[in-house]
C-alpha cells in the first residue's frame, strides 16, 4: 500500500527531476500534464526507455516515451554531435532517473538503479501485470515543440508513507555515480 502522501511525493520527485534533467538548456520550458493512460497517443513507432530504482520496500519503473522524429532528434542532437540519437537520449533519461534516485535516497537509504533499456511502447498495457500500487502517466512538452511522455509505475513490497521535501535547491552538475 502506498499512501496518498507517498504517491504525491513520487509525483513531485518525478516532476522536479524531469524539469531539471529532460530539457537540454535550463531556460527551455518543460511542461508536464497528467494523462489518462500509459501509451495514449503512442504511434506504432513510439519507443520507451525503461529505468528502474529498487529498494527493499518498492520497485519504481520510470518509463520515458519518445518518437525518434525530426523535432526530437533536432532538440537532443546538436550539429557537432556525431553520436547516435539513442545514445544521447539514453544519457538524458539516465540523468533524469538519477535525479529521482538522489531525492529518494533521503527517505530510502538502500537504492539501486538499473541501466536504461529501450522497448516498444506496445509493452505499456502489460504494466498492469506487475500489480502496481501506483501507476501514473504524463505528457511532457519541451521547449514548446518536443513531445515526450512519462509513466511512473511503483510496485510496493511493504507499506510506503513519506512526504518528500522537493523545495530544497541542490547544486549538481550531472556527475556520474559509480557503485
N, C-alpha and C. Protein backbone atom coordinates (compact mmCIF):
# COMPACT_ATOMS: atom_id res chain seq x y z
N UNK A 1 0.84 -1.18 0.00
CA UNK A 1 0.00 0.00 0.00
C UNK A 1 0.88 1.24 0.00
N UNK A 2 0.55 2.16 -0.85
CA UNK A 2 1.25 3.44 -0.92
C UNK A 2 0.25 4.53 -0.55
N UNK A 3 0.56 5.28 0.47
CA UNK A 3 -0.36 6.32 0.92
C UNK A 3 -0.46 7.44 -0.11
N UNK A 4 -1.48 8.28 0.05
CA UNK A 4 -1.65 9.43 -0.83
C UNK A 4 -0.46 10.38 -0.72
N UNK A 5 0.10 10.53 0.50
CA UNK A 5 1.29 11.37 0.70
C UNK A 5 2.46 10.84 -0.11
N UNK A 6 2.67 9.52 -0.08
CA UNK A 6 3.78 8.92 -0.81
C UNK A 6 3.57 9.03 -2.32
N UNK A 7 2.33 8.82 -2.78
CA UNK A 7 2.05 8.96 -4.21
C UNK A 7 2.34 10.39 -4.68
N UNK A 8 1.89 11.36 -3.91
CA UNK A 8 2.16 12.76 -4.22
C UNK A 8 3.66 13.03 -4.22
N UNK A 9 4.37 12.42 -3.28
CA UNK A 9 5.82 12.61 -3.20
C UNK A 9 6.53 12.03 -4.42
N UNK A 10 6.14 10.82 -4.83
CA UNK A 10 6.73 10.23 -6.04
C UNK A 10 6.49 11.14 -7.24
N UNK A 11 5.28 11.67 -7.34
CA UNK A 11 4.95 12.55 -8.46
C UNK A 11 5.78 13.84 -8.43
N UNK A 12 5.90 14.46 -7.27
CA UNK A 12 6.66 15.71 -7.17
C UNK A 12 8.14 15.47 -7.44
N UNK A 13 8.67 14.34 -6.97
CA UNK A 13 10.07 13.99 -7.24
C UNK A 13 10.27 13.80 -8.74
N UNK A 14 9.33 13.14 -9.41
CA UNK A 14 9.43 12.98 -10.86
C UNK A 14 9.41 14.33 -11.55
N UNK A 15 8.46 15.18 -11.20
CA UNK A 15 8.34 16.49 -11.85
C UNK A 15 9.62 17.31 -11.70
N UNK A 16 10.17 17.32 -10.50
CA UNK A 16 11.40 18.09 -10.25
C UNK A 16 12.55 17.54 -11.10
N UNK A 17 12.68 16.22 -11.14
CA UNK A 17 13.76 15.60 -11.91
C UNK A 17 13.58 15.84 -13.40
N UNK A 18 12.35 15.69 -13.89
CA UNK A 18 12.09 15.89 -15.32
C UNK A 18 12.36 17.33 -15.72
N UNK A 19 11.93 18.28 -14.93
CA UNK A 19 12.13 19.69 -15.28
C UNK A 19 13.60 20.08 -15.20
N UNK A 20 14.37 19.40 -14.36
CA UNK A 20 15.79 19.71 -14.24
C UNK A 20 16.65 18.99 -15.28
N UNK A 21 16.25 17.78 -15.69
CA UNK A 21 17.14 16.95 -16.50
C UNK A 21 16.70 16.71 -17.94
N UNK A 22 15.41 16.78 -18.23
CA UNK A 22 14.98 16.49 -19.61
C UNK A 22 15.26 17.63 -20.58
N UNK A 23 15.12 18.90 -20.18
CA UNK A 23 15.47 19.99 -21.10
C UNK A 23 16.99 20.07 -21.27
N UNK A 24 17.44 20.35 -22.48
CA UNK A 24 18.88 20.50 -22.71
C UNK A 24 19.41 21.78 -22.12
N UNK A 25 18.61 22.82 -22.16
CA UNK A 25 19.01 24.13 -21.64
C UNK A 25 18.11 24.46 -20.46
N UNK A 26 18.67 24.96 -19.39
CA UNK A 26 17.87 25.25 -18.19
C UNK A 26 16.78 26.29 -18.46
N UNK A 27 16.92 27.08 -19.52
CA UNK A 27 15.91 28.07 -19.87
C UNK A 27 14.77 27.52 -20.71
N UNK A 28 14.90 26.28 -21.20
CA UNK A 28 13.84 25.68 -22.01
C UNK A 28 12.68 25.25 -21.12
N UNK A 29 11.46 25.67 -21.46
CA UNK A 29 10.31 25.26 -20.65
C UNK A 29 10.07 23.75 -20.75
N UNK A 30 9.62 23.18 -19.65
CA UNK A 30 9.27 21.75 -19.58
C UNK A 30 7.89 21.67 -18.94
N UNK A 31 6.88 21.47 -19.80
CA UNK A 31 5.50 21.41 -19.31
C UNK A 31 5.11 19.96 -19.11
N UNK A 32 4.56 19.68 -17.93
CA UNK A 32 4.17 18.31 -17.57
C UNK A 32 2.70 18.33 -17.18
N UNK A 33 1.92 17.44 -17.81
CA UNK A 33 0.50 17.36 -17.51
C UNK A 33 0.10 15.89 -17.40
N UNK A 34 -0.79 15.58 -16.46
CA UNK A 34 -1.24 14.19 -16.34
C UNK A 34 -2.01 13.75 -17.59
N UNK A 35 -1.87 12.48 -17.94
CA UNK A 35 -2.68 11.89 -19.00
C UNK A 35 -3.35 10.65 -18.43
N UNK A 36 -4.43 10.25 -19.07
CA UNK A 36 -5.27 9.19 -18.52
C UNK A 36 -4.61 7.83 -18.48
N UNK A 37 -3.83 7.49 -19.49
CA UNK A 37 -3.36 6.12 -19.57
C UNK A 37 -1.98 6.06 -20.21
N UNK A 38 -1.15 5.15 -19.69
CA UNK A 38 0.17 4.93 -20.29
C UNK A 38 0.00 4.49 -21.73
N UNK A 39 0.71 5.15 -22.62
CA UNK A 39 0.67 4.77 -24.02
C UNK A 39 -0.38 5.48 -24.84
N UNK A 40 -1.24 6.30 -24.21
CA UNK A 40 -2.21 7.03 -25.01
C UNK A 40 -1.45 8.04 -25.85
N UNK A 41 -1.80 8.12 -27.11
CA UNK A 41 -1.10 8.99 -28.04
C UNK A 41 0.12 8.36 -28.68
N UNK A 42 0.43 7.11 -28.31
CA UNK A 42 1.59 6.43 -28.88
C UNK A 42 1.29 6.03 -30.33
N UNK A 43 2.32 6.10 -31.15
CA UNK A 43 2.21 5.63 -32.52
C UNK A 43 2.86 4.24 -32.62
N UNK A 44 2.79 3.65 -33.80
CA UNK A 44 3.41 2.33 -33.96
C UNK A 44 4.93 2.41 -33.81
N UNK A 45 5.49 3.61 -33.97
CA UNK A 45 6.94 3.80 -33.85
C UNK A 45 7.39 4.27 -32.47
N UNK A 46 6.45 4.53 -31.58
CA UNK A 46 6.81 5.02 -30.26
C UNK A 46 7.60 3.96 -29.51
N UNK A 47 8.68 4.43 -28.90
CA UNK A 47 9.51 3.55 -28.08
C UNK A 47 9.51 4.09 -26.65
N UNK A 48 9.97 3.27 -25.74
CA UNK A 48 10.08 3.70 -24.35
C UNK A 48 11.46 3.35 -23.82
N UNK A 49 11.96 4.23 -22.97
CA UNK A 49 13.18 3.96 -22.22
C UNK A 49 12.73 3.58 -20.82
N UNK A 50 13.18 2.43 -20.35
CA UNK A 50 12.78 1.93 -19.04
C UNK A 50 13.99 1.98 -18.11
N UNK A 51 13.78 2.60 -16.95
CA UNK A 51 14.79 2.65 -15.90
C UNK A 51 14.14 2.19 -14.60
N UNK A 52 14.90 1.56 -13.76
CA UNK A 52 14.36 1.02 -12.52
C UNK A 52 15.15 1.54 -11.32
N UNK A 53 14.41 1.94 -10.29
CA UNK A 53 15.00 2.24 -8.99
C UNK A 53 14.40 1.23 -8.02
N UNK A 54 15.26 0.47 -7.36
CA UNK A 54 14.77 -0.59 -6.46
C UNK A 54 15.25 -0.37 -5.05
N UNK A 55 14.38 -0.72 -4.12
CA UNK A 55 14.73 -0.72 -2.71
C UNK A 55 14.16 -1.99 -2.10
N UNK A 56 14.32 -2.11 -0.82
CA UNK A 56 13.76 -3.27 -0.11
C UNK A 56 12.24 -3.20 -0.11
N UNK A 57 11.67 -1.99 -0.09
CA UNK A 57 10.21 -1.86 0.04
C UNK A 57 9.48 -1.55 -1.26
N UNK A 58 10.20 -1.20 -2.33
CA UNK A 58 9.50 -0.90 -3.59
C UNK A 58 10.43 -1.09 -4.79
N UNK A 59 9.77 -1.16 -5.95
CA UNK A 59 10.46 -1.10 -7.25
C UNK A 59 9.75 -0.03 -8.05
N UNK A 60 10.48 0.98 -8.48
CA UNK A 60 9.92 2.08 -9.27
C UNK A 60 10.44 1.96 -10.69
N UNK A 61 9.52 1.95 -11.64
CA UNK A 61 9.90 2.00 -13.05
C UNK A 61 9.62 3.41 -13.55
N UNK A 62 10.64 4.05 -14.09
CA UNK A 62 10.47 5.33 -14.77
C UNK A 62 10.53 4.99 -16.25
N UNK A 63 9.44 5.27 -16.94
CA UNK A 63 9.32 4.92 -18.36
C UNK A 63 9.13 6.21 -19.14
N UNK A 64 10.09 6.51 -20.00
CA UNK A 64 10.03 7.73 -20.81
C UNK A 64 9.72 7.34 -22.25
N UNK A 65 8.60 7.84 -22.78
CA UNK A 65 8.10 7.51 -24.10
C UNK A 65 8.64 8.54 -25.10
N UNK A 66 9.03 8.07 -26.28
CA UNK A 66 9.52 9.01 -27.30
C UNK A 66 9.31 8.44 -28.70
N UNK A 67 9.19 9.35 -29.63
CA UNK A 67 9.23 9.02 -31.06
C UNK A 67 10.53 9.63 -31.57
N UNK A 68 11.31 8.84 -32.27
CA UNK A 68 12.55 9.37 -32.83
C UNK A 68 12.23 10.10 -34.13
N UNK A 69 11.63 11.28 -33.98
CA UNK A 69 11.24 12.07 -35.15
C UNK A 69 12.17 13.27 -35.28
N UNK A 70 11.94 14.06 -36.31
CA UNK A 70 12.83 15.19 -36.61
C UNK A 70 12.93 16.18 -35.45
N UNK A 71 11.79 16.54 -34.85
CA UNK A 71 11.84 17.56 -33.79
C UNK A 71 12.58 17.05 -32.56
N UNK A 72 12.40 15.78 -32.23
CA UNK A 72 13.09 15.21 -31.07
C UNK A 72 14.59 15.08 -31.35
N UNK A 73 14.94 14.59 -32.54
CA UNK A 73 16.36 14.48 -32.91
C UNK A 73 17.03 15.85 -32.93
N UNK A 74 16.38 16.84 -33.53
CA UNK A 74 16.96 18.18 -33.61
C UNK A 74 17.16 18.78 -32.22
N UNK A 75 16.22 18.51 -31.32
CA UNK A 75 16.33 19.07 -29.98
C UNK A 75 17.52 18.47 -29.23
N UNK A 76 17.67 17.15 -29.28
CA UNK A 76 18.69 16.48 -28.47
C UNK A 76 20.05 16.35 -29.15
N UNK A 77 20.11 16.50 -30.45
CA UNK A 77 21.40 16.39 -31.15
C UNK A 77 21.79 17.73 -31.73
N UNK A 78 22.91 18.25 -31.31
CA UNK A 78 23.39 19.47 -31.97
C UNK A 78 24.17 19.05 -33.20
N UNK A 79 24.41 19.99 -34.08
CA UNK A 79 25.03 19.67 -35.36
C UNK A 79 26.43 19.09 -35.22
N UNK A 80 27.14 19.45 -34.18
CA UNK A 80 28.50 18.96 -33.99
C UNK A 80 28.54 17.56 -33.37
N UNK A 81 27.40 17.08 -32.89
CA UNK A 81 27.35 15.78 -32.21
C UNK A 81 27.22 14.66 -33.24
N UNK A 82 28.19 13.76 -33.25
CA UNK A 82 28.14 12.65 -34.20
C UNK A 82 27.66 11.36 -33.54
N UNK A 83 27.22 11.44 -32.30
CA UNK A 83 26.71 10.24 -31.61
C UNK A 83 25.31 9.93 -32.11
N UNK A 84 24.92 8.66 -32.05
CA UNK A 84 23.54 8.29 -32.42
C UNK A 84 22.54 8.91 -31.44
N UNK A 85 21.34 9.22 -31.94
CA UNK A 85 20.30 9.83 -31.12
C UNK A 85 20.05 9.04 -29.84
N UNK A 86 19.86 7.71 -29.97
CA UNK A 86 19.51 6.94 -28.77
C UNK A 86 20.59 7.00 -27.70
N UNK A 87 21.85 7.08 -28.08
CA UNK A 87 22.91 7.19 -27.09
C UNK A 87 22.75 8.48 -26.28
N UNK A 88 22.50 9.57 -26.98
CA UNK A 88 22.32 10.87 -26.32
C UNK A 88 21.06 10.85 -25.46
N UNK A 89 19.97 10.35 -26.02
CA UNK A 89 18.70 10.36 -25.29
C UNK A 89 18.75 9.45 -24.06
N UNK A 90 19.39 8.29 -24.16
CA UNK A 90 19.52 7.40 -23.00
C UNK A 90 20.31 8.07 -21.88
N UNK A 91 21.31 8.86 -22.26
CA UNK A 91 22.08 9.59 -21.27
C UNK A 91 21.20 10.60 -20.53
N UNK A 92 20.37 11.32 -21.26
CA UNK A 92 19.45 12.29 -20.65
C UNK A 92 18.46 11.56 -19.73
N UNK A 93 17.91 10.45 -20.20
CA UNK A 93 16.97 9.68 -19.38
C UNK A 93 17.63 9.17 -18.11
N UNK A 94 18.88 8.73 -18.23
CA UNK A 94 19.61 8.24 -17.07
C UNK A 94 19.84 9.37 -16.06
N UNK A 95 20.11 10.58 -16.54
CA UNK A 95 20.27 11.72 -15.64
C UNK A 95 18.97 12.04 -14.92
N UNK A 96 17.85 11.94 -15.62
CA UNK A 96 16.55 12.20 -15.01
C UNK A 96 16.27 11.17 -13.90
N UNK A 97 16.51 9.90 -14.21
CA UNK A 97 16.28 8.86 -13.21
C UNK A 97 17.26 9.01 -12.04
N UNK A 98 18.50 9.39 -12.35
CA UNK A 98 19.49 9.62 -11.29
C UNK A 98 19.08 10.74 -10.35
N UNK A 99 18.45 11.79 -10.89
CA UNK A 99 17.96 12.88 -10.04
C UNK A 99 16.84 12.37 -9.12
N UNK A 100 15.97 11.51 -9.66
CA UNK A 100 14.92 10.92 -8.82
C UNK A 100 15.56 10.06 -7.73
N UNK A 101 16.55 9.27 -8.11
CA UNK A 101 17.24 8.39 -7.18
C UNK A 101 17.86 9.20 -6.03
N UNK A 102 18.49 10.33 -6.37
CA UNK A 102 19.11 11.18 -5.35
C UNK A 102 18.07 11.71 -4.36
N UNK A 103 16.92 12.14 -4.88
CA UNK A 103 15.85 12.61 -3.99
C UNK A 103 15.33 11.48 -3.10
N UNK A 104 15.13 10.32 -3.68
CA UNK A 104 14.58 9.18 -2.92
C UNK A 104 15.56 8.66 -1.87
N UNK A 105 16.86 8.85 -2.09
CA UNK A 105 17.86 8.41 -1.10
C UNK A 105 17.68 9.09 0.25
N UNK A 106 17.05 10.26 0.27
CA UNK A 106 16.78 10.95 1.54
C UNK A 106 15.84 10.15 2.43
N UNK A 107 14.99 9.33 1.81
CA UNK A 107 13.94 8.62 2.54
C UNK A 107 14.15 7.11 2.54
N UNK A 108 14.90 6.61 1.58
CA UNK A 108 15.15 5.18 1.45
C UNK A 108 16.66 5.01 1.21
N UNK A 109 17.40 4.61 2.25
CA UNK A 109 18.87 4.65 2.16
C UNK A 109 19.50 3.60 1.23
N UNK A 110 18.82 2.53 0.93
CA UNK A 110 19.42 1.46 0.14
C UNK A 110 18.72 1.33 -1.20
N UNK A 111 19.17 2.10 -2.19
CA UNK A 111 18.55 2.08 -3.51
C UNK A 111 19.55 1.60 -4.55
N UNK A 112 19.03 0.91 -5.53
CA UNK A 112 19.82 0.53 -6.70
C UNK A 112 19.12 1.03 -7.94
N UNK A 113 19.90 1.38 -8.96
CA UNK A 113 19.33 1.92 -10.18
C UNK A 113 19.86 1.12 -11.37
N UNK A 114 18.96 0.78 -12.28
CA UNK A 114 19.35 0.00 -13.45
C UNK A 114 19.91 0.89 -14.55
N UNK A 115 20.50 0.26 -15.53
CA UNK A 115 20.87 0.98 -16.75
C UNK A 115 19.63 1.05 -17.62
N UNK A 116 19.53 2.08 -18.46
CA UNK A 116 18.33 2.22 -19.30
C UNK A 116 18.32 1.21 -20.44
N UNK A 117 17.12 0.80 -20.81
CA UNK A 117 16.96 -0.04 -21.99
C UNK A 117 15.73 0.41 -22.75
N UNK A 118 15.72 0.14 -24.05
CA UNK A 118 14.67 0.63 -24.95
C UNK A 118 13.78 -0.54 -25.36
N UNK A 119 12.47 -0.30 -25.30
CA UNK A 119 11.45 -1.26 -25.72
C UNK A 119 10.43 -0.56 -26.60
N UNK A 120 9.60 -1.34 -27.25
CA UNK A 120 8.46 -0.79 -27.98
C UNK A 120 7.40 -0.34 -26.97
N UNK A 121 6.69 0.73 -27.29
CA UNK A 121 5.62 1.20 -26.40
C UNK A 121 4.47 0.21 -26.33
N UNK A 122 4.46 -0.78 -27.22
CA UNK A 122 3.40 -1.80 -27.17
C UNK A 122 3.44 -2.61 -25.88
N UNK A 123 4.53 -2.51 -25.11
CA UNK A 123 4.63 -3.24 -23.84
C UNK A 123 3.86 -2.54 -22.72
N UNK A 124 3.49 -1.28 -22.90
CA UNK A 124 2.89 -0.50 -21.81
C UNK A 124 1.60 -1.09 -21.24
N UNK A 125 0.70 -1.66 -22.04
CA UNK A 125 -0.50 -2.25 -21.44
C UNK A 125 -0.21 -3.39 -20.46
N UNK A 126 0.98 -3.96 -20.55
CA UNK A 126 1.34 -5.08 -19.67
C UNK A 126 1.82 -4.62 -18.30
N UNK A 127 1.94 -3.31 -18.07
CA UNK A 127 2.35 -2.84 -16.75
C UNK A 127 1.38 -3.29 -15.66
N UNK A 128 0.11 -3.42 -16.00
CA UNK A 128 -0.90 -3.86 -15.01
C UNK A 128 -0.57 -5.25 -14.46
N UNK A 129 0.13 -6.05 -15.25
CA UNK A 129 0.52 -7.39 -14.81
C UNK A 129 1.46 -7.35 -13.60
N UNK A 130 2.15 -6.23 -13.44
CA UNK A 130 3.05 -6.07 -12.30
C UNK A 130 2.30 -5.77 -11.01
N UNK A 131 1.00 -5.52 -11.11
CA UNK A 131 0.16 -5.16 -9.97
C UNK A 131 0.73 -3.96 -9.20
N UNK A 132 0.90 -2.84 -9.91
CA UNK A 132 1.49 -1.67 -9.25
C UNK A 132 0.55 -1.07 -8.20
N UNK A 133 1.16 -0.55 -7.15
CA UNK A 133 0.40 0.17 -6.13
C UNK A 133 0.19 1.62 -6.55
N UNK A 134 0.99 2.08 -7.50
CA UNK A 134 0.87 3.45 -8.04
C UNK A 134 1.30 3.42 -9.50
N UNK A 135 0.42 3.93 -10.36
CA UNK A 135 0.69 3.99 -11.79
C UNK A 135 0.15 5.31 -12.30
N UNK A 136 1.02 6.14 -12.86
CA UNK A 136 0.61 7.46 -13.30
C UNK A 136 1.38 7.84 -14.56
N UNK A 137 0.69 8.50 -15.51
CA UNK A 137 1.33 8.89 -16.77
C UNK A 137 1.17 10.38 -17.02
N UNK A 138 2.12 10.93 -17.78
CA UNK A 138 2.19 12.37 -18.00
C UNK A 138 2.62 12.65 -19.43
N UNK A 139 2.10 13.73 -19.99
CA UNK A 139 2.67 14.25 -21.24
C UNK A 139 3.75 15.24 -20.83
N UNK A 140 4.81 15.28 -21.62
CA UNK A 140 5.93 16.19 -21.35
C UNK A 140 6.22 16.94 -22.64
N UNK A 141 6.16 18.25 -22.57
CA UNK A 141 6.45 19.09 -23.74
C UNK A 141 7.67 19.94 -23.41
N UNK A 142 8.70 19.81 -24.25
CA UNK A 142 9.94 20.55 -24.06
C UNK A 142 10.05 21.66 -25.10
N UNK A 143 10.35 22.84 -24.62
CA UNK A 143 10.59 23.99 -25.49
C UNK A 143 9.44 24.25 -26.45
N UNK A 144 8.24 23.86 -26.06
CA UNK A 144 7.05 24.10 -26.86
C UNK A 144 6.89 23.23 -28.08
N UNK A 145 7.87 22.36 -28.38
CA UNK A 145 7.79 21.61 -29.63
C UNK A 145 8.10 20.12 -29.52
N UNK A 146 8.83 19.70 -28.53
CA UNK A 146 9.22 18.30 -28.42
C UNK A 146 8.24 17.58 -27.50
N UNK A 147 7.59 16.55 -28.03
CA UNK A 147 6.60 15.79 -27.27
C UNK A 147 7.19 14.48 -26.77
N UNK A 148 7.17 14.31 -25.46
CA UNK A 148 7.53 13.06 -24.82
C UNK A 148 6.36 12.66 -23.93
N UNK A 149 6.48 11.54 -23.29
CA UNK A 149 5.53 11.16 -22.25
C UNK A 149 6.32 10.39 -21.21
N UNK A 150 5.73 10.23 -20.05
CA UNK A 150 6.40 9.51 -18.97
C UNK A 150 5.37 8.73 -18.18
N UNK A 151 5.81 7.61 -17.67
CA UNK A 151 4.97 6.80 -16.79
C UNK A 151 5.80 6.44 -15.56
N UNK A 152 5.17 6.56 -14.41
CA UNK A 152 5.77 6.10 -13.16
C UNK A 152 4.96 4.90 -12.70
N UNK A 153 5.63 3.80 -12.46
CA UNK A 153 4.99 2.56 -12.01
C UNK A 153 5.72 2.12 -10.75
N UNK A 154 5.02 2.09 -9.61
CA UNK A 154 5.65 1.71 -8.35
C UNK A 154 4.96 0.46 -7.81
N UNK A 155 5.76 -0.58 -7.63
CA UNK A 155 5.29 -1.82 -7.02
C UNK A 155 5.81 -1.84 -5.58
N UNK A 156 4.89 -1.95 -4.63
CA UNK A 156 5.26 -1.91 -3.22
C UNK A 156 5.37 -3.31 -2.64
N UNK A 157 6.43 -3.53 -1.87
CA UNK A 157 6.62 -4.81 -1.19
C UNK A 157 6.29 -4.68 0.30
N UNK A 158 5.98 -3.47 0.72
CA UNK A 158 5.63 -3.16 2.11
C UNK A 158 4.89 -1.82 2.07
N UNK A 159 4.19 -1.46 3.15
CA UNK A 159 3.53 -0.15 3.16
C UNK A 159 4.55 0.98 3.00
N UNK A 160 4.18 2.00 2.21
CA UNK A 160 5.06 3.14 1.98
C UNK A 160 4.32 4.42 2.33
N UNK A 161 4.94 5.20 3.21
CA UNK A 161 4.39 6.51 3.58
C UNK A 161 5.56 7.44 3.84
N UNK A 162 5.67 8.49 3.05
CA UNK A 162 6.68 9.52 3.28
C UNK A 162 6.20 10.79 2.61
N UNK A 163 6.75 11.92 3.05
CA UNK A 163 6.44 13.21 2.44
C UNK A 163 7.77 13.82 2.01
N UNK A 164 7.95 13.93 0.71
CA UNK A 164 9.20 14.45 0.16
C UNK A 164 9.22 15.97 0.22
N UNK A 165 10.36 16.51 0.60
CA UNK A 165 10.58 17.95 0.56
C UNK A 165 11.32 18.24 -0.74
N UNK A 166 10.60 18.62 -1.77
CA UNK A 166 11.22 18.88 -3.07
C UNK A 166 11.52 20.36 -3.28
N UNK A 167 11.42 21.14 -2.23
CA UNK A 167 11.71 22.57 -2.35
C UNK A 167 13.18 22.89 -2.21
N UNK A 168 13.95 21.96 -1.65
CA UNK A 168 15.37 22.20 -1.45
C UNK A 168 16.07 22.36 -2.80
N UNK A 169 16.93 23.34 -2.89
CA UNK A 169 17.67 23.59 -4.12
C UNK A 169 19.04 22.94 -3.97
N UNK A 170 19.38 22.08 -4.94
CA UNK A 170 20.66 21.41 -4.91
C UNK A 170 21.48 21.84 -6.10
N UNK A 171 22.76 22.01 -5.90
CA UNK A 171 23.67 22.33 -6.99
C UNK A 171 24.34 21.04 -7.42
N UNK A 172 23.99 20.55 -8.61
CA UNK A 172 24.65 19.37 -9.15
C UNK A 172 24.98 19.63 -10.60
N UNK A 173 25.99 18.97 -11.07
CA UNK A 173 26.41 19.17 -12.45
C UNK A 173 26.26 17.91 -13.27
N UNK A 174 25.45 16.96 -12.83
CA UNK A 174 25.22 15.75 -13.60
C UNK A 174 26.35 14.74 -13.45
N UNK A 175 26.99 14.74 -12.31
CA UNK A 175 28.11 13.84 -12.12
C UNK A 175 27.68 12.38 -12.19
N UNK A 176 28.58 11.54 -12.60
CA UNK A 176 28.32 10.11 -12.74
C UNK A 176 28.56 9.44 -11.41
N UNK A 177 27.62 8.59 -11.01
CA UNK A 177 27.74 7.87 -9.77
C UNK A 177 28.17 6.44 -10.07
N UNK A 178 29.22 5.98 -9.46
CA UNK A 178 29.67 4.61 -9.66
C UNK A 178 29.44 3.83 -8.38
N UNK A 179 28.93 2.61 -8.56
CA UNK A 179 28.74 1.74 -7.40
C UNK A 179 28.83 0.32 -7.80
